[in-house]
Amino acid sequence: MITARQSRAARALLGWNQETLADKAQVSLTALRRLESENGLRVYESTRDQVRRALEANGIVFMATDRGEGVMVMHNGNRADSGKRL
C-alpha cells in the first residue's frame, strides 16, 4: 500500500506537482489530495493502486521494512535523463 509520504516523496523525485500525478494516474485531483493528506482521510484502494502504478511506470520503486518505508527512482538506460546524477 502506498502511503501519503511515499506519494509526496515520489512526486518530488520526479519533479511532478499534484496536477501532473493526478493526470498520469487518471484520478481526480481531490482524490490525490486525500491520498497525500496526513489527516487519515478515507481513500479508495483503487485510487492508491492507480497512483502507485503511474509512479512505478516512471521509475519509482517503493520500499518497506520493519523500520519504515521509502521510495527511490530507478533510471532506465533508454530514458533521456539516465545520465543525470542525484
N, C-alpha and C. Protein backbone atom coordinates (compact mmCIF):
# COMPACT_ATOMS: atom_id res chain seq x y z
N MET A 1 0.84 -1.18 0.00
CA MET A 1 0.00 0.00 0.00
C MET A 1 0.89 1.25 0.00
N ILE A 2 0.60 2.18 -0.85
CA ILE A 2 1.34 3.44 -0.92
C ILE A 2 0.84 4.39 0.18
N THR A 3 1.77 5.02 0.86
CA THR A 3 1.41 5.96 1.92
C THR A 3 1.43 7.39 1.39
N ALA A 4 0.88 8.30 2.17
CA ALA A 4 0.87 9.72 1.80
C ALA A 4 2.31 10.22 1.63
N ARG A 5 3.18 9.86 2.55
CA ARG A 5 4.56 10.32 2.49
C ARG A 5 5.28 9.77 1.27
N GLN A 6 5.02 8.50 0.94
CA GLN A 6 5.66 7.91 -0.24
C GLN A 6 5.21 8.60 -1.51
N SER A 7 3.94 8.92 -1.60
CA SER A 7 3.43 9.60 -2.79
C SER A 7 4.08 10.97 -2.95
N ARG A 8 4.15 11.73 -1.86
CA ARG A 8 4.76 13.06 -1.93
C ARG A 8 6.25 12.97 -2.26
N ALA A 9 6.94 12.00 -1.66
CA ALA A 9 8.38 11.84 -1.93
C ALA A 9 8.62 11.42 -3.38
N ALA A 10 7.80 10.51 -3.87
CA ALA A 10 7.94 10.05 -5.26
C ALA A 10 7.72 11.20 -6.23
N ARG A 11 6.70 12.01 -5.97
CA ARG A 11 6.46 13.19 -6.83
C ARG A 11 7.66 14.11 -6.82
N ALA A 12 8.25 14.31 -5.65
CA ALA A 12 9.41 15.20 -5.54
C ALA A 12 10.58 14.65 -6.36
N LEU A 13 10.81 13.35 -6.30
CA LEU A 13 11.90 12.74 -7.06
C LEU A 13 11.70 12.91 -8.57
N LEU A 14 10.44 12.88 -9.00
CA LEU A 14 10.14 13.02 -10.42
C LEU A 14 9.98 14.48 -10.85
N GLY A 15 9.90 15.39 -9.88
CA GLY A 15 9.70 16.80 -10.20
C GLY A 15 8.28 17.10 -10.64
N TRP A 16 7.32 16.32 -10.15
CA TRP A 16 5.91 16.48 -10.53
C TRP A 16 5.15 17.23 -9.46
N ASN A 17 4.15 17.99 -9.89
CA ASN A 17 3.20 18.56 -8.93
C ASN A 17 2.00 17.63 -8.83
N GLN A 18 1.07 17.95 -7.96
CA GLN A 18 -0.10 17.09 -7.77
C GLN A 18 -0.94 16.96 -9.04
N GLU A 19 -1.05 18.04 -9.78
CA GLU A 19 -1.84 18.00 -11.01
C GLU A 19 -1.26 17.02 -12.02
N THR A 20 0.06 17.00 -12.13
CA THR A 20 0.72 16.08 -13.07
C THR A 20 0.47 14.64 -12.68
N LEU A 21 0.65 14.32 -11.39
CA LEU A 21 0.44 12.95 -10.95
C LEU A 21 -1.02 12.54 -11.09
N ALA A 22 -1.93 13.40 -10.74
CA ALA A 22 -3.36 13.08 -10.88
C ALA A 22 -3.68 12.76 -12.34
N ASP A 23 -3.14 13.55 -13.25
CA ASP A 23 -3.36 13.33 -14.67
C ASP A 23 -2.77 11.99 -15.13
N LYS A 24 -1.53 11.72 -14.75
CA LYS A 24 -0.87 10.48 -15.18
C LYS A 24 -1.51 9.25 -14.56
N ALA A 25 -2.03 9.39 -13.34
CA ALA A 25 -2.69 8.27 -12.66
C ALA A 25 -4.16 8.15 -13.03
N GLN A 26 -4.66 9.12 -13.73
CA GLN A 26 -6.07 9.17 -14.12
C GLN A 26 -7.00 9.10 -12.91
N VAL A 27 -6.66 9.94 -11.91
CA VAL A 27 -7.51 10.10 -10.74
C VAL A 27 -7.81 11.59 -10.59
N SER A 28 -8.84 11.92 -9.85
CA SER A 28 -9.15 13.33 -9.65
C SER A 28 -8.11 13.97 -8.73
N LEU A 29 -7.94 15.26 -8.88
CA LEU A 29 -7.01 15.99 -8.03
C LEU A 29 -7.46 15.90 -6.57
N THR A 30 -8.76 15.93 -6.34
CA THR A 30 -9.29 15.80 -4.98
C THR A 30 -8.91 14.45 -4.38
N ALA A 31 -9.02 13.38 -5.16
CA ALA A 31 -8.66 12.04 -4.67
C ALA A 31 -7.18 11.98 -4.32
N LEU A 32 -6.33 12.57 -5.16
CA LEU A 32 -4.89 12.57 -4.88
C LEU A 32 -4.59 13.37 -3.62
N ARG A 33 -5.24 14.51 -3.47
CA ARG A 33 -5.02 15.32 -2.27
C ARG A 33 -5.44 14.55 -1.01
N ARG A 34 -6.51 13.78 -1.09
CA ARG A 34 -6.93 12.95 0.04
C ARG A 34 -5.86 11.91 0.34
N LEU A 35 -5.32 11.27 -0.71
CA LEU A 35 -4.29 10.25 -0.52
C LEU A 35 -3.05 10.85 0.15
N GLU A 36 -2.66 12.04 -0.26
CA GLU A 36 -1.44 12.66 0.25
C GLU A 36 -1.64 13.42 1.55
N SER A 37 -2.85 13.45 2.06
CA SER A 37 -3.14 14.14 3.31
C SER A 37 -2.66 13.30 4.50
N GLU A 38 -2.19 13.96 5.53
CA GLU A 38 -1.79 13.27 6.76
C GLU A 38 -2.96 13.19 7.75
N ASN A 39 -4.15 13.57 7.32
CA ASN A 39 -5.30 13.62 8.22
C ASN A 39 -6.06 12.31 8.31
N GLY A 40 -5.56 11.26 7.69
CA GLY A 40 -6.23 9.96 7.77
C GLY A 40 -7.54 9.89 7.02
N LEU A 41 -7.67 10.67 5.96
CA LEU A 41 -8.89 10.66 5.18
C LEU A 41 -9.04 9.33 4.44
N ARG A 42 -10.26 8.91 4.23
CA ARG A 42 -10.50 7.65 3.54
C ARG A 42 -10.14 7.79 2.05
N VAL A 43 -9.44 6.79 1.54
CA VAL A 43 -9.03 6.77 0.15
C VAL A 43 -9.32 5.39 -0.41
N TYR A 44 -9.94 5.34 -1.57
CA TYR A 44 -10.22 4.05 -2.21
C TYR A 44 -8.92 3.35 -2.56
N GLU A 45 -8.89 2.04 -2.38
CA GLU A 45 -7.70 1.26 -2.74
C GLU A 45 -7.42 1.36 -4.24
N SER A 46 -8.47 1.50 -5.04
CA SER A 46 -8.26 1.65 -6.49
C SER A 46 -7.50 2.94 -6.80
N THR A 47 -7.74 3.99 -6.03
CA THR A 47 -7.00 5.25 -6.21
C THR A 47 -5.54 5.04 -5.85
N ARG A 48 -5.29 4.41 -4.71
CA ARG A 48 -3.91 4.13 -4.29
C ARG A 48 -3.18 3.29 -5.36
N ASP A 49 -3.89 2.31 -5.89
CA ASP A 49 -3.29 1.43 -6.88
C ASP A 49 -2.97 2.18 -8.17
N GLN A 50 -3.87 3.03 -8.63
CA GLN A 50 -3.62 3.80 -9.86
C GLN A 50 -2.44 4.75 -9.68
N VAL A 51 -2.36 5.38 -8.52
CA VAL A 51 -1.24 6.29 -8.26
C VAL A 51 0.07 5.50 -8.20
N ARG A 52 0.05 4.39 -7.49
CA ARG A 52 1.25 3.55 -7.40
C ARG A 52 1.72 3.10 -8.78
N ARG A 53 0.80 2.63 -9.61
CA ARG A 53 1.16 2.16 -10.94
C ARG A 53 1.72 3.27 -11.81
N ALA A 54 1.15 4.47 -11.73
CA ALA A 54 1.65 5.61 -12.51
C ALA A 54 3.07 5.97 -12.09
N LEU A 55 3.34 5.94 -10.80
CA LEU A 55 4.68 6.27 -10.31
C LEU A 55 5.68 5.18 -10.70
N GLU A 56 5.29 3.93 -10.53
CA GLU A 56 6.19 2.83 -10.90
C GLU A 56 6.50 2.84 -12.39
N ALA A 57 5.53 3.21 -13.21
CA ALA A 57 5.74 3.27 -14.66
C ALA A 57 6.77 4.33 -15.04
N ASN A 58 7.05 5.24 -14.11
CA ASN A 58 8.01 6.31 -14.36
C ASN A 58 9.27 6.16 -13.52
N GLY A 59 9.54 4.92 -13.08
CA GLY A 59 10.82 4.62 -12.43
C GLY A 59 10.84 4.59 -10.92
N ILE A 60 9.72 4.83 -10.27
CA ILE A 60 9.69 4.84 -8.82
C ILE A 60 9.62 3.41 -8.29
N VAL A 61 10.42 3.13 -7.27
CA VAL A 61 10.40 1.84 -6.57
C VAL A 61 10.00 2.12 -5.12
N PHE A 62 9.01 1.40 -4.64
CA PHE A 62 8.55 1.55 -3.26
C PHE A 62 9.23 0.52 -2.38
N MET A 63 9.66 0.94 -1.21
CA MET A 63 10.35 0.06 -0.28
C MET A 63 9.66 0.12 1.08
N ALA A 64 9.63 -1.02 1.75
CA ALA A 64 9.08 -1.08 3.11
C ALA A 64 9.86 -2.11 3.90
N THR A 65 10.24 -1.75 5.10
CA THR A 65 10.91 -2.66 6.01
C THR A 65 10.25 -2.53 7.37
N ASP A 66 10.72 -3.30 8.32
CA ASP A 66 10.18 -3.18 9.67
C ASP A 66 10.58 -1.85 10.31
N ARG A 67 11.52 -1.15 9.71
CA ARG A 67 11.98 0.15 10.24
C ARG A 67 11.32 1.33 9.56
N GLY A 68 10.55 1.10 8.51
CA GLY A 68 9.86 2.20 7.84
C GLY A 68 9.69 1.95 6.36
N GLU A 69 9.25 2.98 5.66
CA GLU A 69 9.03 2.88 4.22
C GLU A 69 9.76 4.01 3.51
N GLY A 70 9.94 3.82 2.20
CA GLY A 70 10.63 4.83 1.42
C GLY A 70 10.38 4.65 -0.06
N VAL A 71 11.04 5.49 -0.85
CA VAL A 71 10.94 5.41 -2.31
C VAL A 71 12.31 5.73 -2.90
N MET A 72 12.53 5.23 -4.09
CA MET A 72 13.73 5.61 -4.85
C MET A 72 13.34 5.63 -6.31
N VAL A 73 14.13 6.31 -7.10
CA VAL A 73 13.87 6.37 -8.53
C VAL A 73 14.97 5.59 -9.25
N MET A 74 14.54 4.72 -10.13
CA MET A 74 15.45 3.93 -10.95
C MET A 74 15.40 4.52 -12.35
N HIS A 75 16.54 4.81 -12.90
CA HIS A 75 16.60 5.37 -14.25
C HIS A 75 16.86 4.26 -15.25
N ASN A 76 16.01 4.18 -16.24
CA ASN A 76 16.16 3.23 -17.33
C ASN A 76 17.22 3.76 -18.28
N GLY A 77 18.05 2.90 -18.82
CA GLY A 77 19.09 3.32 -19.75
C GLY A 77 18.56 3.98 -21.01
N ASN A 78 17.28 3.78 -21.32
CA ASN A 78 16.69 4.37 -22.52
C ASN A 78 16.13 5.75 -22.29
N ARG A 79 16.04 6.17 -21.04
CA ARG A 79 15.47 7.48 -20.76
C ARG A 79 16.47 8.59 -21.03
N ALA A 80 15.98 9.73 -21.43
CA ALA A 80 16.85 10.87 -21.76
C ALA A 80 17.62 11.35 -20.54
N ASP A 81 17.06 11.18 -19.33
CA ASP A 81 17.70 11.70 -18.14
C ASP A 81 18.55 10.64 -17.43
N SER A 82 18.85 9.52 -18.09
CA SER A 82 19.55 8.44 -17.43
C SER A 82 20.99 8.81 -17.03
N GLY A 83 21.55 9.84 -17.63
CA GLY A 83 22.90 10.24 -17.29
C GLY A 83 22.97 11.20 -16.12
N LYS A 84 21.84 11.68 -15.63
CA LYS A 84 21.83 12.63 -14.53
C LYS A 84 22.21 11.94 -13.24
N ARG A 85 22.93 12.65 -12.43
CA ARG A 85 23.28 12.14 -11.09
C ARG A 85 22.43 12.86 -10.08
N LEU A 86 21.99 12.13 -9.07
CA LEU A 86 21.18 12.71 -8.00
C LEU A 86 22.04 12.96 -6.78
